Protein backbone atom coordinates (compact mmCIF):
# COMPACT_ATOMS: atom_id res chain seq x y z
CA MET A 1 118.70 162.89 52.16
CA LYS A 2 116.41 160.63 50.17
CA THR A 3 113.63 163.20 50.39
CA LYS A 4 115.90 165.85 48.88
CA MET A 5 116.84 163.51 46.02
CA LEU A 6 113.17 162.90 45.29
CA VAL A 7 112.46 166.63 45.16
CA LEU A 8 115.41 167.22 42.77
CA LEU A 9 114.29 164.44 40.46
CA LEU A 10 110.75 165.83 40.39
CA PHE A 11 112.08 169.31 39.66
CA ALA A 12 114.25 168.00 36.83
CA THR A 13 111.33 166.09 35.38
CA PHE A 14 109.10 169.18 35.35
CA ILE A 15 111.83 171.25 33.68
CA LEU A 16 112.42 168.69 30.99
CA THR A 17 108.77 168.09 30.27
CA ASP A 18 108.14 171.83 30.16
CA ALA A 19 111.12 172.69 27.94
CA VAL A 20 110.63 170.05 25.29
CA GLU A 21 107.84 167.83 24.21
CA VAL A 22 108.56 164.38 25.60
CA THR A 23 106.65 161.17 26.16
CA ASN A 24 106.89 158.24 28.50
CA GLU A 25 108.91 156.48 25.78
CA ASP A 26 111.68 159.05 26.10
CA PRO A 27 114.67 157.31 27.80
CA LEU A 28 115.44 160.19 30.14
CA VAL A 29 111.85 160.58 31.29
CA SER A 30 111.50 156.85 31.70
CA TYR A 31 114.67 156.78 33.78
CA LEU A 32 113.52 159.64 35.99
CA LEU A 33 110.10 158.09 36.59
CA THR A 34 111.70 154.77 37.52
CA ARG A 35 114.03 156.45 40.02
CA ILE A 36 111.14 158.35 41.56
CA GLU A 37 109.20 155.11 42.13
CA GLN A 38 112.27 153.44 43.65
CA LEU A 39 112.86 156.32 46.04
CA GLU A 40 109.20 156.48 47.05
CA SER A 41 109.26 152.80 48.01
CA LYS A 42 112.36 153.27 50.18
CA ILE A 43 111.36 156.42 52.03
CA MET A 44 110.33 155.60 55.64
CA VAL A 45 108.38 158.00 57.84
CA LYS A 46 110.29 158.85 61.01
CA PRO A 47 108.44 157.67 64.14
CA ASN A 48 106.71 160.26 66.30
CA THR A 49 109.04 160.38 69.29
CA ILE A 50 106.56 162.21 71.58
CA ASN A 51 103.72 159.80 70.99
CA THR A 52 106.04 156.83 71.44
CA ASN A 53 107.22 158.14 74.79
CA GLU A 54 103.65 158.77 75.95
CA ILE A 55 102.65 155.25 75.00
CA ALA A 56 105.68 153.84 76.82
CA LYS A 57 104.79 155.92 79.90
CA LYS A 58 101.20 154.68 79.92
CA SER A 59 102.41 151.11 79.50
CA THR A 60 104.71 151.52 82.50
CA GLU A 61 101.86 152.92 84.62
CA GLN A 62 99.55 150.07 83.63
CA HIS A 63 102.26 147.56 84.49
CA ALA A 64 102.63 149.13 87.93
CA ILE A 65 98.86 148.87 88.52
CA VAL A 66 98.85 145.21 87.49
CA SER A 67 101.82 144.50 89.75
CA ALA A 68 100.06 146.20 92.67
CA ALA A 69 96.94 144.15 92.03
CA SER A 70 98.95 140.97 92.57
CA ASN A 71 100.18 142.26 95.93
CA ASP A 72 97.53 141.94 98.64
CA LYS A 73 99.18 144.59 100.82
CA CYS A 74 98.84 147.26 98.13
CA ALA A 75 95.80 146.33 96.09
CA CYS A 76 93.28 145.32 98.76
CA PRO A 77 91.18 148.07 100.37
CA PRO A 78 91.54 148.48 104.14
CA ALA A 79 89.54 145.85 105.99
CA GLY A 80 86.56 147.03 107.99
CA VAL A 81 86.68 147.23 111.79
CA VAL A 82 83.77 147.09 114.23
CA ASN A 83 83.91 147.84 117.96
CA TYR A 84 81.33 146.63 120.47
CA VAL A 85 81.02 146.14 124.23
CA ARG A 86 80.74 142.68 125.70
CA TRP A 87 78.66 143.32 128.81
CA GLY A 88 79.02 140.76 131.61
CA ASN A 89 82.41 139.41 130.54
CA SER A 90 85.94 140.73 130.98
CA THR A 91 87.36 139.15 127.81
CA CYS A 92 86.45 139.18 124.12
CA PRO A 93 85.38 136.11 122.15
CA TYR A 94 87.76 134.09 120.00
CA GLY A 95 88.77 136.01 116.88
CA ALA A 96 88.16 139.46 118.38
CA VAL A 97 90.77 141.79 119.88
CA THR A 98 90.33 143.05 123.45
CA VAL A 99 90.78 146.83 123.28
CA TYR A 100 90.43 147.09 127.07
CA SER A 101 88.52 145.49 129.92
CA GLY A 102 86.76 147.29 132.74
CA VAL A 103 83.70 147.51 134.96
CA VAL A 104 80.15 148.51 134.08
CA ALA A 105 79.18 151.90 135.53
CA GLY A 106 76.34 154.38 135.25
CA SER A 107 73.98 156.72 137.09
CA TRP A 108 72.17 155.84 140.31
CA TYR A 109 69.06 153.78 139.59
CA ASP A 110 66.66 156.24 141.26
CA HIS A 111 68.11 159.65 140.33
CA GLN A 112 65.71 161.71 138.28
CA GLY A 113 68.46 163.40 136.27
CA ALA A 114 70.36 160.19 135.63
CA ALA A 115 72.25 159.54 132.41
CA VAL A 116 70.63 156.81 130.32
CA ASP A 117 73.64 154.99 128.91
CA PRO A 118 75.81 152.49 130.77
CA LEU A 119 79.60 152.80 130.43
CA CYS A 120 82.42 150.29 130.26
CA LEU A 121 84.81 152.09 132.60
CA PRO A 122 88.54 151.21 132.32
CA HIS A 123 90.32 150.06 135.48
CA ASN A 124 92.87 152.89 135.25
CA PRO A 125 91.17 156.28 134.64
CA GLN A 126 93.23 159.30 133.60
CA TYR A 127 92.53 162.88 134.76
CA LEU A 128 93.24 166.37 133.49
CA LYS A 129 92.56 169.42 135.70
CA TYR A 130 90.37 168.59 138.68
CA ARG A 131 89.09 169.87 141.99
CA SER A 132 89.09 167.48 144.93
CA GLY A 133 85.78 166.73 146.64
CA TYR A 134 82.36 165.95 145.18
CA ASN A 135 80.90 169.05 143.53
CA GLY A 136 77.23 168.13 143.18
CA GLY A 137 77.27 167.44 139.43
CA ALA A 138 76.83 164.16 137.60
CA TYR A 139 77.79 161.03 139.49
CA LEU A 140 78.91 157.60 138.36
CA TYR A 141 78.32 154.33 140.23
CA GLY A 142 79.14 150.70 139.76
CA ALA A 143 76.50 148.42 138.23
CA GLU A 144 74.92 145.33 139.78
CA TYR A 145 72.87 142.38 138.61
CA GLU A 146 69.41 142.19 140.16
CA LEU A 147 68.51 138.60 139.37
CA GLY A 148 66.58 135.65 140.71
CA GLY A 149 65.57 132.09 139.88
CA PRO A 150 68.16 130.17 137.86
CA LEU A 151 70.35 133.29 137.64
CA ASP A 152 70.39 133.91 141.38
CA HIS A 153 74.08 133.00 141.64
CA SER A 154 74.95 136.43 140.18
CA HIS A 155 72.45 138.46 142.21
CA GLN A 156 73.83 141.79 143.50
CA ARG A 157 77.26 141.15 142.04
CA ASN A 158 79.05 143.90 140.16
CA ILE A 159 79.40 143.52 136.41
CA PRO A 160 82.61 143.38 134.30
CA CYS A 161 82.87 144.35 130.64
CA ALA A 162 85.25 144.41 127.70
CA VAL A 163 85.50 146.59 124.61
CA CYS A 164 86.16 144.36 121.61
CA GLN A 165 87.36 144.91 118.07
CA ALA A 166 86.16 142.61 115.29
CA ASN A 167 88.34 142.84 112.19
CA SER A 168 87.10 142.39 108.62
CA ARG A 169 83.60 143.55 109.64
CA THR A 170 81.65 146.65 108.69
CA THR A 171 78.61 146.65 110.97
CA SER A 172 77.33 145.29 114.29
CA LEU A 173 73.83 144.55 115.53
CA MET A 174 72.21 143.61 118.84
CA ILE A 175 69.18 141.39 118.28
CA PRO A 176 66.69 141.17 121.18
CA SER A 177 64.81 137.94 121.97
CA ARG A 178 67.10 135.84 119.76
CA TYR A 179 70.35 134.10 120.67
CA GLU A 180 71.20 133.18 117.07
CA CYS A 181 72.32 135.51 114.29
CA PRO A 182 70.83 135.70 110.78
CA PRO A 183 72.53 133.77 107.96
CA GLY A 184 75.69 135.48 106.80
CA TRP A 185 76.32 137.15 110.17
CA THR A 186 78.91 136.22 112.82
CA ARG A 187 77.74 135.83 116.40
CA GLU A 188 80.15 137.59 118.75
CA TYR A 189 78.33 136.59 121.92
CA TYR A 190 74.83 135.96 123.25
CA GLY A 191 73.04 136.03 126.57
CA TYR A 192 70.24 137.85 128.38
CA LEU A 193 68.50 141.09 127.52
CA MET A 194 68.65 143.47 130.51
CA ALA A 195 67.56 147.00 131.50
CA GLY A 196 66.57 149.05 134.55
CA HIS A 197 63.50 148.40 136.69
CA TYR A 198 60.23 149.87 135.40
CA GLY A 199 59.48 151.42 138.79
CA HIS A 200 62.74 153.38 139.14
CA LYS A 201 63.08 157.03 138.19
CA ALA A 202 66.21 156.71 136.07
CA ALA A 203 65.69 155.86 132.41
CA THR A 204 67.91 153.11 131.06
CA GLN A 205 68.92 151.34 127.88
CA HIS A 206 68.55 147.71 126.93
CA ILE A 207 71.87 145.88 126.74
CA CYS A 208 72.85 142.33 125.88
CA VAL A 209 74.62 140.74 128.87
CA ASP A 210 76.82 137.73 128.22
CA LYS A 211 75.28 134.40 129.23
CA SER A 212 78.23 133.70 131.56
CA LEU A 213 77.11 136.54 133.88
CA GLU A 214 80.68 137.01 135.01
CA GLN A 215 81.15 138.90 138.28
CA ILE A 216 83.69 141.29 139.76
CA THR A 217 85.72 139.34 142.30
CA GLY A 218 84.84 140.30 145.87
CA SER A 219 81.60 142.07 144.99
CA GLY A 220 78.16 141.18 146.32
CA GLY A 221 77.53 143.67 149.11
CA ASP A 222 74.23 145.07 147.71
CA THR A 223 75.72 148.50 147.14
CA ASN A 224 73.17 149.29 144.41
CA GLY A 225 74.24 151.95 141.88
CA LYS A 226 73.14 151.23 138.33
CA LEU A 227 70.93 148.14 138.42
CA PHE A 228 70.19 145.62 135.69
CA TYR A 229 67.20 143.30 135.53
CA THR A 230 66.24 140.65 133.03
CA VAL A 231 63.47 141.61 130.59
CA GLU A 232 60.13 139.89 130.04
CA ALA A 233 57.62 140.72 127.32
CA GLN A 234 54.14 141.62 128.59
CA CYS A 235 51.23 140.01 126.75
CA ASN A 236 48.83 142.96 126.73
CA GLN A 237 50.28 144.35 123.48
CA PHE A 238 50.75 143.01 119.96
CA ILE A 239 54.30 141.68 120.48
CA PRO A 240 55.67 138.14 120.87
CA CYS A 241 55.36 137.57 124.61
CA SER A 242 55.90 135.13 127.45
CA ASP A 243 56.89 135.19 131.08
CA LYS A 244 60.39 133.94 130.21
CA GLU A 245 63.59 135.94 130.42
CA LEU A 246 64.37 137.29 126.96
CA THR A 247 67.61 136.40 125.25
CA CYS A 248 69.79 138.45 122.89
CA ALA A 249 72.74 138.21 120.52
CA VAL A 250 75.39 140.59 119.28
CA CYS A 251 76.16 139.94 115.61
CA THR A 252 78.67 141.39 113.15
CA LYS A 253 79.07 141.31 109.39
């Protein structure tokens, strides 16, 4: 309404100034100019409704993000998880979750086509389709310690294991010949470095066996299978060496 009044006053002013010769001292012109200035000072621009709504929407979204940031369940990224096998022990260390426990198994120590890796076999296997009777394929056997000296108490005993889950970790590492972890790492367990005998046909892997050398109850009948020996570093190469049984540690971070 005020805008229309301003337009009418301007129109009237132009007509009057065009029809007759007038000056700023003319009362009518002076009145019209005064009214124009008064109306100009009162006219308010109507807010841009669309822009206001967009700003309000963005403000609401930012508020939601800030609120989520104060809530650990929503704002924090998922914590890392690391799984590892604790060889030679049926339970996981304090702070880790036991996924399952089982027995160490693998290929026969002297089979030429043996699989290299040891397995932590659950106590309760599940089967799909099968044919009864051995079919001459790949075979799996229990694992035994082959030890002597101060570790003789576990000689020819079968080996337990546990699969463990360490929360809030992103990586795991087995360090040979050290039973301590580097600064900033968490030691999950430590013990003895073991592998197969150098004179046997089957290739093997090095594993870190828990220092407790836990045994399967009732085992000890020298049934062989997959065999594990302690490791010693020979001194005819450029490596740190001694005739002592090497240690190891499993570390997470």
